[in-house]
Amino acid sequence: MTPLIIVQTTFPTSHDIAPICQALIDGKMAICIKEFPAVKSRYLWDNEIEESLEVMVHVKTYKHFFSAVEEMILKAHPYDIPEIITIQVDAVSKGYQQWADDTLG
């Protein structure tokens, strides 16, 4: 069983994420990509508290694809330093894992 992870990132709500989603799925680097409605982010940038509306994106993929997924996000992203983090998946249903293996394997 190949370990799954969720790569989490955010994009400005005005940014079209369809091309990167399509490229990740077409390239068999993601089994599913979830786009969450606008979330409000607050963060420190240049010693100022910033606030922005962003779309949260979860890319479900294999752990060994992280570097390639990260590279694609960085190329498509308008931010200087985008959030690109992983969430470890500790357990997966048998059917979902099989679908992942059939899709990405």
PDB file of N, CA and C in Angstrom:
ATOM      1  N   MET A   1       0.843  -1.186   0.000  1.00  0.00           N
ATOM      2  CA  MET A   1       0.000   0.000   0.000  1.00  0.00           C
ATOM      3  C   MET A   1       0.886   1.245   0.000  1.00  0.00           C
ATOM      4  N   THR A   2       0.698   2.103  -0.978  1.00  0.00           N
ATOM      5  CA  THR A   2       1.454   3.343  -1.081  1.00  0.00           C
ATOM      6  C   THR A   2       0.772   4.409  -0.231  1.00  0.00           C
ATOM      7  N   PRO A   3       1.546   5.099   0.634  1.00  0.00           N
ATOM      8  CA  PRO A   3       0.927   6.077   1.539  1.00  0.00           C
ATOM      9  C   PRO A   3       0.354   7.291   0.809  1.00  0.00           C
ATOM     10  N   LEU A   4      -0.872   7.619   1.156  1.00  0.00           N
ATOM     11  CA  LEU A   4      -1.522   8.817   0.641  1.00  0.00           C
ATOM     12  C   LEU A   4      -1.232  10.002   1.554  1.00  0.00           C
ATOM     13  N   ILE A   5      -1.198  11.188   0.966  1.00  0.00           N
ATOM     14  CA  ILE A   5      -1.122  12.431   1.722  1.00  0.00           C
ATOM     15  C   ILE A   5      -2.118  13.402   1.109  1.00  0.00           C
ATOM     16  N   ILE A   6      -2.390  14.452   1.849  1.00  0.00           N
ATOM     17  CA  ILE A   6      -3.157  15.574   1.321  1.00  0.00           C
ATOM     18  C   ILE A   6      -2.199  16.754   1.281  1.00  0.00           C
ATOM     19  N   VAL A   7      -2.030  17.324   0.107  1.00  0.00           N
ATOM     20  CA  VAL A   7      -1.234  18.540  -0.028  1.00  0.00           C
ATOM     21  C   VAL A   7      -2.221  19.695   0.037  1.00  0.00           C
ATOM     22  N   GLN A   8      -2.022  20.560   1.018  1.00  0.00           N
ATOM     23  CA  GLN A   8      -2.919  21.704   1.200  1.00  0.00           C
ATOM     24  C   GLN A   8      -2.237  22.968   0.723  1.00  0.00           C
ATOM     25  N   THR A   9      -2.979  23.750  -0.034  1.00  0.00           N
ATOM     26  CA  THR A   9      -2.505  25.050  -0.475  1.00  0.00           C
ATOM     27  C   THR A   9      -3.689  25.990  -0.537  1.00  0.00           C
ATOM     28  N   THR A  10      -3.400  27.259  -0.737  1.00  0.00           N
ATOM     29  CA  THR A  10      -4.458  28.248  -0.937  1.00  0.00           C
ATOM     30  C   THR A  10      -4.087  29.100  -2.142  1.00  0.00           C
ATOM     31  N   PHE A  11      -5.112  29.612  -2.806  1.00  0.00           N
ATOM     32  CA  PHE A  11      -4.939  30.532  -3.928  1.00  0.00           C
ATOM     33  C   PHE A  11      -5.872  31.711  -3.708  1.00  0.00           C
ATOM     34  N   PRO A  12      -5.543  32.867  -4.246  1.00  0.00           N
ATOM     35  CA  PRO A  12      -6.498  33.973  -4.182  1.00  0.00           C
ATOM     36  C   PRO A  12      -7.801  33.563  -4.870  1.00  0.00           C
ATOM     37  N   THR A  13      -8.914  34.049  -4.386  1.00  0.00           N
ATOM     38  CA  THR A  13     -10.199  33.666  -4.968  1.00  0.00           C
ATOM     39  C   THR A  13     -10.299  34.089  -6.431  1.00  0.00           C
ATOM     40  N   SER A  14      -9.535  35.079  -6.836  1.00  0.00           N
ATOM     41  CA  SER A  14      -9.575  35.554  -8.223  1.00  0.00           C
ATOM     42  C   SER A  14      -8.746  34.699  -9.179  1.00  0.00           C
ATOM     43  N   HIS A  15      -7.963  33.786  -8.651  1.00  0.00           N
ATOM     44  CA  HIS A  15      -7.057  32.976  -9.481  1.00  0.00           C
ATOM     45  C   HIS A  15      -7.785  31.754 -10.040  1.00  0.00           C
ATOM     46  N   ASP A  16      -7.598  31.480 -11.311  1.00  0.00           N
ATOM     47  CA  ASP A  16      -8.201  30.311 -11.950  1.00  0.00           C
ATOM     48  C   ASP A  16      -7.339  29.084 -11.661  1.00  0.00           C
ATOM     49  N   ILE A  17      -7.838  28.187 -10.821  1.00  0.00           N
ATOM     50  CA  ILE A  17      -7.049  26.999 -10.472  1.00  0.00           C
ATOM     51  C   ILE A  17      -7.368  25.802 -11.358  1.00  0.00           C
ATOM     52  N   ALA A  18      -8.329  25.947 -12.259  1.00  0.00           N
ATOM     53  CA  ALA A  18      -8.702  24.822 -13.120  1.00  0.00           C
ATOM     54  C   ALA A  18      -7.517  24.252 -13.904  1.00  0.00           C
ATOM     55  N   PRO A  19      -6.635  25.071 -14.487  1.00  0.00           N
ATOM     56  CA  PRO A  19      -5.521  24.493 -15.247  1.00  0.00           C
ATOM     57  C   PRO A  19      -4.580  23.626 -14.409  1.00  0.00           C
ATOM     58  N   ILE A  20      -4.248  24.045 -13.210  1.00  0.00           N
ATOM     59  CA  ILE A  20      -3.341  23.226 -12.391  1.00  0.00           C
ATOM     60  C   ILE A  20      -4.048  21.958 -11.930  1.00  0.00           C
ATOM     61  N   CYS A  21      -5.324  22.051 -11.591  1.00  0.00           N
ATOM     62  CA  CYS A  21      -6.076  20.852 -11.205  1.00  0.00           C
ATOM     63  C   CYS A  21      -6.100  19.855 -12.354  1.00  0.00           C
ATOM     64  N   GLN A  22      -6.383  20.344 -13.541  1.00  0.00           N
ATOM     65  CA  GLN A  22      -6.429  19.481 -14.724  1.00  0.00           C
ATOM     66  C   GLN A  22      -5.069  18.836 -14.973  1.00  0.00           C
ATOM     67  N   ALA A  23      -4.002  19.625 -14.856  1.00  0.00           N
ATOM     68  CA  ALA A  23      -2.656  19.102 -15.102  1.00  0.00           C
ATOM     69  C   ALA A  23      -2.274  18.031 -14.084  1.00  0.00           C
ATOM     70  N   LEU A  24      -2.629  18.238 -12.820  1.00  0.00           N
ATOM     71  CA  LEU A  24      -2.304  17.249 -11.781  1.00  0.00           C
ATOM     72  C   LEU A  24      -3.062  15.948 -12.002  1.00  0.00           C
ATOM     73  N   ILE A  25      -4.330  16.051 -12.379  1.00  0.00           N
ATOM     74  CA  ILE A  25      -5.128  14.842 -12.604  1.00  0.00           C
ATOM     75  C   ILE A  25      -4.711  14.158 -13.907  1.00  0.00           C
ATOM     76  N   ASP A  26      -4.548  14.943 -14.966  1.00  0.00           N
ATOM     77  CA  ASP A  26      -4.107  14.360 -16.240  1.00  0.00           C
ATOM     78  C   ASP A  26      -2.731  13.704 -16.119  1.00  0.00           C
ATOM     79  N   GLY A  27      -1.861  14.304 -15.310  1.00  0.00           N
ATOM     80  CA  GLY A  27      -0.517  13.768 -15.115  1.00  0.00           C
ATOM     81  C   GLY A  27      -0.452  12.619 -14.127  1.00  0.00           C
ATOM     82  N   LYS A  28      -1.612  12.198 -13.648  1.00  0.00           N
ATOM     83  CA  LYS A  28      -1.724  11.098 -12.678  1.00  0.00           C
ATOM     84  C   LYS A  28      -0.870  11.347 -11.434  1.00  0.00           C
ATOM     85  N   MET A  29      -0.915  12.606 -10.974  1.00  0.00           N
ATOM     86  CA  MET A  29      -0.244  12.972  -9.734  1.00  0.00           C
ATOM     87  C   MET A  29      -1.244  13.260  -8.620  1.00  0.00           C
ATOM     88  N   ALA A  30      -2.538  13.191  -8.937  1.00  0.00           N
ATOM     89  CA  ALA A  30      -3.575  13.418  -7.935  1.00  0.00           C
ATOM     90  C   ALA A  30      -4.778  12.550  -8.271  1.00  0.00           C
ATOM     91  N   ILE A  31      -5.374  11.969  -7.219  1.00  0.00           N
ATOM     92  CA  ILE A  31      -6.589  11.186  -7.452  1.00  0.00           C
ATOM     93  C   ILE A  31      -7.837  12.049  -7.317  1.00  0.00           C
ATOM     94  N   CYS A  32      -7.717  13.114  -6.540  1.00  0.00           N
ATOM     95  CA  CYS A  32      -8.862  13.979  -6.294  1.00  0.00           C
ATOM     96  C   CYS A  32      -8.342  15.314  -5.793  1.00  0.00           C
ATOM     97  N   ILE A  33      -8.979  16.375  -6.225  1.00  0.00           N
ATOM     98  CA  ILE A  33      -8.614  17.712  -5.753  1.00  0.00           C
ATOM     99  C   ILE A  33      -9.890  18.379  -5.272  1.00  0.00           C
ATOM    100  N   LYS A  34      -9.873  18.803  -4.031  1.00  0.00           N
ATOM    101  CA  LYS A  34     -11.041  19.479  -3.447  1.00  0.00           C
ATOM    102  C   LYS A  34     -10.754  20.963  -3.342  1.00  0.00           C
ATOM    103  N   GLU A  35     -11.697  21.732  -3.826  1.00  0.00           N
ATOM    104  CA  GLU A  35     -11.624  23.187  -3.764  1.00  0.00           C
ATOM    105  C   GLU A  35     -12.702  23.650  -2.789  1.00  0.00           C
ATOM    106  N   PHE A  36     -12.272  24.256  -1.707  1.00  0.00           N
ATOM    107  CA  PHE A  36     -13.203  24.727  -0.683  1.00  0.00           C
ATOM    108  C   PHE A  36     -13.602  26.169  -0.982  1.00  0.00           C
ATOM    109  N   PRO A  37     -14.811  26.543  -0.600  1.00  0.00           N
ATOM    110  CA  PRO A  37     -15.240  27.935  -0.815  1.00  0.00           C
ATOM    111  C   PRO A  37     -14.287  28.897  -0.112  1.00  0.00           C
ATOM    112  N   ALA A  38     -14.454  30.150  -0.419  1.00  0.00           N
ATOM    113  CA  ALA A  38     -13.557  31.173   0.120  1.00  0.00           C
ATOM    114  C   ALA A  38     -13.416  31.078   1.633  1.00  0.00           C
ATOM    115  N   VAL A  39     -12.169  31.138   2.053  1.00  0.00           N
ATOM    116  CA  VAL A  39     -11.837  31.191   3.479  1.00  0.00           C
ATOM    117  C   VAL A  39     -11.085  32.495   3.722  1.00  0.00           C
ATOM    118  N   LYS A  40     -11.243  33.033   4.911  1.00  0.00           N
ATOM    119  CA  LYS A  40     -10.527  34.252   5.249  1.00  0.00           C
ATOM    120  C   LYS A  40      -9.220  33.858   5.924  1.00  0.00           C
ATOM    121  N   SER A  41      -8.129  34.354   5.405  1.00  0.00           N
ATOM    122  CA  SER A  41      -6.812  34.079   5.980  1.00  0.00           C
ATOM    123  C   SER A  41      -6.255  35.352   6.599  1.00  0.00           C
ATOM    124  N   ARG A  42      -5.638  35.176   7.741  1.00  0.00           N
ATOM    125  CA  ARG A  42      -4.940  36.279   8.412  1.00  0.00           C
ATOM    126  C   ARG A  42      -3.518  35.807   8.660  1.00  0.00           C
ATOM    127  N   TYR A  43      -2.570  36.651   8.332  1.00  0.00           N
ATOM    128  CA  TYR A  43      -1.172  36.258   8.449  1.00  0.00           C
ATOM    129  C   TYR A  43      -0.294  37.497   8.533  1.00  0.00           C
ATOM    130  N   LEU A  44       0.901  37.291   9.021  1.00  0.00           N
ATOM    131  CA  LEU A  44       1.881  38.357   9.131  1.00  0.00           C
ATOM    132  C   LEU A  44       2.734  38.375   7.874  1.00  0.00           C
ATOM    133  N   TRP A  45       2.792  39.507   7.199  1.00  0.00           N
ATOM    134  CA  TRP A  45       3.597  39.656   5.983  1.00  0.00           C
ATOM    135  C   TRP A  45       4.235  41.045   6.012  1.00  0.00           C
ATOM    136  N   ASP A  46       5.552  41.090   5.906  1.00  0.00           N
ATOM    137  CA  ASP A  46       6.298  42.358   5.983  1.00  0.00           C
ATOM    138  C   ASP A  46       5.931  43.143   7.242  1.00  0.00           C
ATOM    139  N   ASN A  47       5.861  42.422   8.355  1.00  0.00           N
ATOM    140  CA  ASN A  47       5.571  43.004   9.674  1.00  0.00           C
ATOM    141  C   ASN A  47       4.204  43.671   9.770  1.00  0.00           C
ATOM    142  N   GLU A  48       3.308  43.310   8.884  1.00  0.00           N
ATOM    143  CA  GLU A  48       1.942  43.817   8.917  1.00  0.00           C
ATOM    144  C   GLU A  48       0.981  42.633   8.927  1.00  0.00           C
ATOM    145  N   ILE A  49      -0.112  42.775   9.641  1.00  0.00           N
ATOM    146  CA  ILE A  49      -1.137  41.736   9.619  1.00  0.00           C
ATOM    147  C   ILE A  49      -1.968  41.932   8.354  1.00  0.00           C
ATOM    148  N   GLU A  50      -1.995  40.906   7.541  1.00  0.00           N
ATOM    149  CA  GLU A  50      -2.751  40.920   6.285  1.00  0.00           C
ATOM    150  C   GLU A  50      -4.001  40.058   6.447  1.00  0.00           C
ATOM    151  N   GLU A  51      -4.986  40.345   5.637  1.00  0.00           N
ATOM    152  CA  GLU A  51      -6.223  39.578   5.620  1.00  0.00           C
ATOM    153  C   GLU A  51      -6.654  39.441   4.164  1.00  0.00           C
ATOM    154  N   SER A  52      -6.960  38.214   3.751  1.00  0.00           N
ATOM    155  CA  SER A  52      -7.374  38.019   2.367  1.00  0.00           C
ATOM    156  C   SER A  52      -8.345  36.855   2.258  1.00  0.00           C
ATOM    157  N   LEU A  53      -9.132  36.885   1.199  1.00  0.00           N
ATOM    158  CA  LEU A  53     -10.015  35.767   0.886  1.00  0.00           C
ATOM    159  C   LEU A  53      -9.270  34.842  -0.061  1.00  0.00           C
ATOM    160  N   GLU A  54      -9.287  33.564   0.275  1.00  0.00           N
ATOM    161  CA  GLU A  54      -8.570  32.578  -0.513  1.00  0.00           C
ATOM    162  C   GLU A  54      -9.431  31.335  -0.698  1.00  0.00           C
ATOM    163  N   VAL A  55      -9.076  30.567  -1.707  1.00  0.00           N
ATOM    164  CA  VAL A  55      -9.672  29.258  -1.925  1.00  0.00           C
ATOM    165  C   VAL A  55      -8.696  28.238  -1.355  1.00  0.00           C
ATOM    166  N   MET A  56      -9.175  27.365  -0.475  1.00  0.00           N
ATOM    167  CA  MET A  56      -8.336  26.298   0.056  1.00  0.00           C
ATOM    168  C   MET A  56      -8.448  25.097  -0.866  1.00  0.00           C
ATOM    169  N   VAL A  57      -7.306  24.489  -1.151  1.00  0.00           N
ATOM    170  CA  VAL A  57      -7.258  23.371  -2.081  1.00  0.00           C
ATOM    171  C   VAL A  57      -6.578  22.184  -1.405  1.00  0.00           C
ATOM    172  N   HIS A  58      -7.208  21.015  -1.499  1.00  0.00           N
ATOM    173  CA  HIS A  58      -6.626  19.762  -1.012  1.00  0.00           C
ATOM    174  C   HIS A  58      -6.362  18.852  -2.199  1.00  0.00           C
ATOM    175  N   VAL A  59      -5.105  18.476  -2.369  1.00  0.00           N
ATOM    176  CA  VAL A  59      -4.691  17.572  -3.439  1.00  0.00           C
ATOM    177  C   VAL A  59      -4.388  16.225  -2.794  1.00  0.00           C
ATOM    178  N   LYS A  60      -5.168  15.205  -3.124  1.00  0.00           N
ATOM    179  CA  LYS A  60      -4.939  13.863  -2.583  1.00  0.00           C
ATOM    180  C   LYS A  60      -4.008  13.125  -3.535  1.00  0.00           C
ATOM    181  N   THR A  61      -2.871  12.695  -2.987  1.00  0.00           N
ATOM    182  CA  THR A  61      -1.835  12.110  -3.821  1.00  0.00           C
ATOM    183  C   THR A  61      -0.991  11.135  -3.013  1.00  0.00           C
ATOM    184  N   TYR A  62      -0.054  10.500  -3.678  1.00  0.00           N
ATOM    185  CA  TYR A  62       0.918   9.644  -2.991  1.00  0.00           C
ATOM    186  C   TYR A  62       2.050  10.512  -2.442  1.00  0.00           C
ATOM    187  N   LYS A  63       2.598  10.076  -1.328  1.00  0.00           N
ATOM    188  CA  LYS A  63       3.678  10.817  -0.678  1.00  0.00           C
ATOM    189  C   LYS A  63       4.862  11.032  -1.624  1.00  0.00           C
ATOM    190  N   HIS A  64       5.178  10.038  -2.436  1.00  0.00           N
ATOM    191  CA  HIS A  64       6.352  10.175  -3.310  1.00  0.00           C
ATOM    192  C   HIS A  64       6.130  11.168  -4.462  1.00  0.00           C
ATOM    193  N   PHE A  65       4.906  11.656  -4.641  1.00  0.00           N
ATOM    194  CA  PHE A  65       4.638  12.679  -5.655  1.00  0.00           C
ATOM    195  C   PHE A  65       4.735  14.097  -5.098  1.00  0.00           C
ATOM    196  N   PHE A  66       5.022  14.244  -3.805  1.00  0.00           N
ATOM    197  CA  PHE A  66       4.997  15.579  -3.195  1.00  0.00           C
ATOM    198  C   PHE A  66       5.861  16.585  -3.948  1.00  0.00           C
ATOM    199  N   SER A  67       7.098  16.249  -4.242  1.00  0.00           N
ATOM    200  CA  SER A  67       8.003  17.210  -4.896  1.00  0.00           C
ATOM    201  C   SER A  67       7.463  17.676  -6.239  1.00  0.00           C
ATOM    202  N   ALA A  68       6.914  16.762  -7.015  1.00  0.00           N
ATOM    203  CA  ALA A  68       6.360  17.118  -8.325  1.00  0.00           C
ATOM    204  C   ALA A  68       5.118  17.995  -8.170  1.00  0.00           C
ATOM    205  N   VAL A  69       4.263  17.663  -7.202  1.00  0.00           N
ATOM    206  CA  VAL A  69       3.064  18.467  -6.954  1.00  0.00           C
ATOM    207  C   VAL A  69       3.480  19.865  -6.481  1.00  0.00           C
ATOM    208  N   GLU A  70       4.438  19.912  -5.572  1.00  0.00           N
ATOM    209  CA  GLU A  70       4.938  21.198  -5.073  1.00  0.00           C
ATOM    210  C   GLU A  70       5.458  22.055  -6.230  1.00  0.00           C
ATOM    211  N   GLU A  71       6.235  21.468  -7.109  1.00  0.00           N
ATOM    212  CA  GLU A  71       6.800  22.194  -8.242  1.00  0.00           C
ATOM    213  C   GLU A  71       5.694  22.765  -9.136  1.00  0.00           C
ATOM    214  N   MET A  72       4.670  21.978  -9.377  1.00  0.00           N
ATOM    215  CA  MET A  72       3.565  22.458 -10.223  1.00  0.00           C
ATOM    216  C   MET A  72       2.804  23.599  -9.549  1.00  0.00           C
ATOM    217  N   ILE A  73       2.592  23.486  -8.237  1.00  0.00           N
ATOM    218  CA  ILE A  73       1.910  24.556  -7.505  1.00  0.00           C
ATOM    219  C   ILE A  73       2.740  25.837  -7.562  1.00  0.00           C
ATOM    220  N   LEU A  74       4.039  25.707  -7.323  1.00  0.00           N
ATOM    221  CA  LEU A  74       4.909  26.887  -7.336  1.00  0.00           C
ATOM    222  C   LEU A  74       4.900  27.587  -8.695  1.00  0.00           C
ATOM    223  N   LYS A  75       4.885  26.814  -9.773  1.00  0.00           N
ATOM    224  CA  LYS A  75       4.863  27.403 -11.116  1.00  0.00           C
ATOM    225  C   LYS A  75       3.550  28.133 -11.397  1.00  0.00           C
ATOM    226  N   ALA A  76       2.453  27.622 -10.848  1.00  0.00           N
ATOM    227  CA  ALA A  76       1.136  28.186 -11.132  1.00  0.00           C
ATOM    228  C   ALA A  76       0.715  29.279 -10.161  1.00  0.00           C
ATOM    229  N   HIS A  77       1.448  29.432  -9.073  1.00  0.00           N
ATOM    230  CA  HIS A  77       0.990  30.276  -7.976  1.00  0.00           C
ATOM    231  C   HIS A  77       1.411  31.728  -8.109  1.00  0.00           C
ATOM    232  N   PRO A  78       0.502  32.656  -7.810  1.00  0.00           N
ATOM    233  CA  PRO A  78       0.862  34.075  -7.894  1.00  0.00           C
ATOM    234  C   PRO A  78       1.600  34.606  -6.656  1.00  0.00           C
ATOM    235  N   TYR A  79       1.569  33.862  -5.536  1.00  0.00           N
ATOM    236  CA  TYR A  79       2.220  34.349  -4.311  1.00  0.00           C
ATOM    237  C   TYR A  79       3.728  34.111  -4.358  1.00  0.00           C
ATOM    238  N   ASP A  80       4.477  34.965  -3.662  1.00  0.00           N
ATOM    239  CA  ASP A  80       5.921  34.769  -3.524  1.00  0.00           C
ATOM    240  C   ASP A  80       6.220  33.504  -2.721  1.00  0.00           C
ATOM    241  N   ILE A  81       5.463  33.308  -1.647  1.00  0.00           N
ATOM    242  CA  ILE A  81       5.662  32.146  -0.774  1.00  0.00           C
ATOM    243  C   ILE A  81       4.295  31.540  -0.471  1.00  0.00           C
ATOM    244  N   PRO A  82       3.814  30.654  -1.328  1.00  0.00           N
ATOM    245  CA  PRO A  82       2.503  30.053  -1.076  1.00  0.00           C
ATOM    246  C   PRO A  82       2.560  28.987   0.019  1.00  0.00           C
ATOM    247  N   GLU A  83       1.428  28.793   0.649  1.00  0.00           N
ATOM    248  CA  GLU A  83       1.291  27.678   1.598  1.00  0.00           C
ATOM    249  C   GLU A  83       1.292  26.385   0.788  1.00  0.00           C
ATOM    250  N   ILE A  84       2.224  25.507   1.099  1.00  0.00           N
ATOM    251  CA  ILE A  84       2.235  24.164   0.523  1.00  0.00           C
ATOM    252  C   ILE A  84       2.638  23.243   1.661  1.00  0.00           C
ATOM    253  N   ILE A  85       1.660  22.600   2.262  1.00  0.00           N
ATOM    254  CA  ILE A  85       1.921  21.719   3.400  1.00  0.00           C
ATOM    255  C   ILE A  85       1.258  20.369   3.141  1.00  0.00           C
ATOM    256  N   THR A  86       1.696  19.369   3.871  1.00  0.00           N
ATOM    257  CA  THR A  86       1.053  18.065   3.739  1.00  0.00           C
ATOM    258  C   THR A  86       0.330  17.709   5.024  1.00  0.00           C
ATOM    259  N   ILE A  87      -0.733  16.976   4.835  1.00  0.00           N
ATOM    260  CA  ILE A  87      -1.480  16.395   5.949  1.00  0.00           C
ATOM    261  C   ILE A  87      -1.341  14.888   5.793  1.00  0.00           C
ATOM    262  N   GLN A  88      -0.815  14.271   6.810  1.00  0.00           N
ATOM    263  CA  GLN A  88      -0.617  12.818   6.762  1.00  0.00           C
ATOM    264  C   GLN A  88      -1.958  12.105   6.882  1.00  0.00           C
ATOM    265  N   VAL A  89      -2.140  11.100   6.071  1.00  0.00           N
ATOM    266  CA  VAL A  89      -3.350  10.281   6.115  1.00  0.00           C
ATOM    267  C   VAL A  89      -2.986   9.001   6.857  1.00  0.00           C
ATOM    268  N   ASP A  90      -3.563   8.807   8.030  1.00  0.00           N
ATOM    269  CA  ASP A  90      -3.212   7.657   8.858  1.00  0.00           C
ATOM    270  C   ASP A  90      -3.973   6.388   8.500  1.00  0.00           C
ATOM    271  N   ALA A  91      -5.165   6.547   7.959  1.00  0.00           N
ATOM    272  CA  ALA A  91      -5.977   5.376   7.613  1.00  0.00           C
ATOM    273  C   ALA A  91      -6.803   5.696   6.376  1.00  0.00           C
ATOM    274  N   VAL A  92      -6.985   4.689   5.542  1.00  0.00           N
ATOM    275  CA  VAL A  92      -7.743   4.836   4.306  1.00  0.00           C
ATOM    276  C   VAL A  92      -8.634   3.609   4.152  1.00  0.00           C
ATOM    277  N   SER A  93      -9.870   3.823   3.752  1.00  0.00           N
ATOM    278  CA  SER A  93     -10.739   2.667   3.521  1.00  0.00           C
ATOM    279  C   SER A  93     -10.170   1.841   2.375  1.00  0.00           C
ATOM    280  N   LYS A  94     -10.438   0.564   2.421  1.00  0.00           N
ATOM    281  CA  LYS A  94      -9.888  -0.364   1.429  1.00  0.00           C
ATOM    282  C   LYS A  94     -10.302   0.030   0.007  1.00  0.00           C
ATOM    283  N   GLY A  95     -11.560   0.373  -0.162  1.00  0.00           N
ATOM    284  CA  GLY A  95     -12.055   0.746  -1.481  1.00  0.00           C
ATOM    285  C   GLY A  95     -11.411   2.016  -2.011  1.00  0.00           C
ATOM    286  N   TYR A  96     -11.242   3.004  -1.139  1.00  0.00           N
ATOM    287  CA  TYR A  96     -10.626   4.263  -1.561  1.00  0.00           C
ATOM    288  C   TYR A  96      -9.164   4.051  -1.923  1.00  0.00           C
ATOM    289  N   GLN A  97      -8.461   3.258  -1.123  1.00  0.00           N
ATOM    290  CA  GLN A  97      -7.057   2.941  -1.421  1.00  0.00           C
ATOM    291  C   GLN A  97      -6.938   2.218  -2.753  1.00  0.00           C
ATOM    292  N   GLN A  98      -7.865   1.287  -3.007  1.00  0.00           N
ATOM    293  CA  GLN A  98      -7.834   0.555  -4.266  1.00  0.00           C
ATOM    294  C   GLN A  98      -8.065   1.500  -5.442  1.00  0.00           C
ATOM    295  N   TRP A  99      -8.990   2.428  -5.291  1.00  0.00           N
ATOM    296  CA  TRP A  99      -9.238   3.426  -6.322  1.00  0.00           C
ATOM    297  C   TRP A  99      -7.988   4.260  -6.567  1.00  0.00           C
ATOM    298  N   ALA A 100      -7.317   4.673  -5.484  1.00  0.00           N
ATOM    299  CA  ALA A 100      -6.072   5.440  -5.609  1.00  0.00           C
ATOM    300  C   ALA A 100      -5.033   4.634  -6.366  1.00  0.00           C
ATOM    301  N   ASP A 101      -4.866   3.384  -5.975  1.00  0.00           N
ATOM    302  CA  ASP A 101      -3.868   2.524  -6.633  1.00  0.00           C
ATOM    303  C   ASP A 101      -4.207   2.301  -8.110  1.00  0.00           C
ATOM    304  N   ASP A 102      -5.494   2.119  -8.403  1.00  0.00           N
ATOM    305  CA  ASP A 102      -5.904   1.925  -9.799  1.00  0.00           C
ATOM    306  C   ASP A 102      -5.712   3.205 -10.624  1.00  0.00           C
ATOM    307  N   THR A 103      -5.910   4.350  -9.987  1.00  0.00           N
ATOM    308  CA  THR A 103      -5.831   5.626 -10.677  1.00  0.00           C
ATOM    309  C   THR A 103      -4.387   6.083 -10.873  1.00  0.00           C
ATOM    310  N   LEU A 104      -3.587   5.987  -9.829  1.00  0.00           N
ATOM    311  CA  LEU A 104      -2.223   6.518  -9.865  1.00  0.00           C
ATOM    312  C   LEU A 104      -1.159   5.472 -10.105  1.00  0.00           C
ATOM    313  N   GLY A 105      -1.515   4.199  -9.906  1.00  0.00           N
ATOM    314  CA  GLY A 105      -0.527   3.126  -9.972  1.00  0.00           C
ATOM    315  C   GLY A 105      -0.118   2.709 -11.300  1.00  0.00           C
TER     316      GLY A 105
END
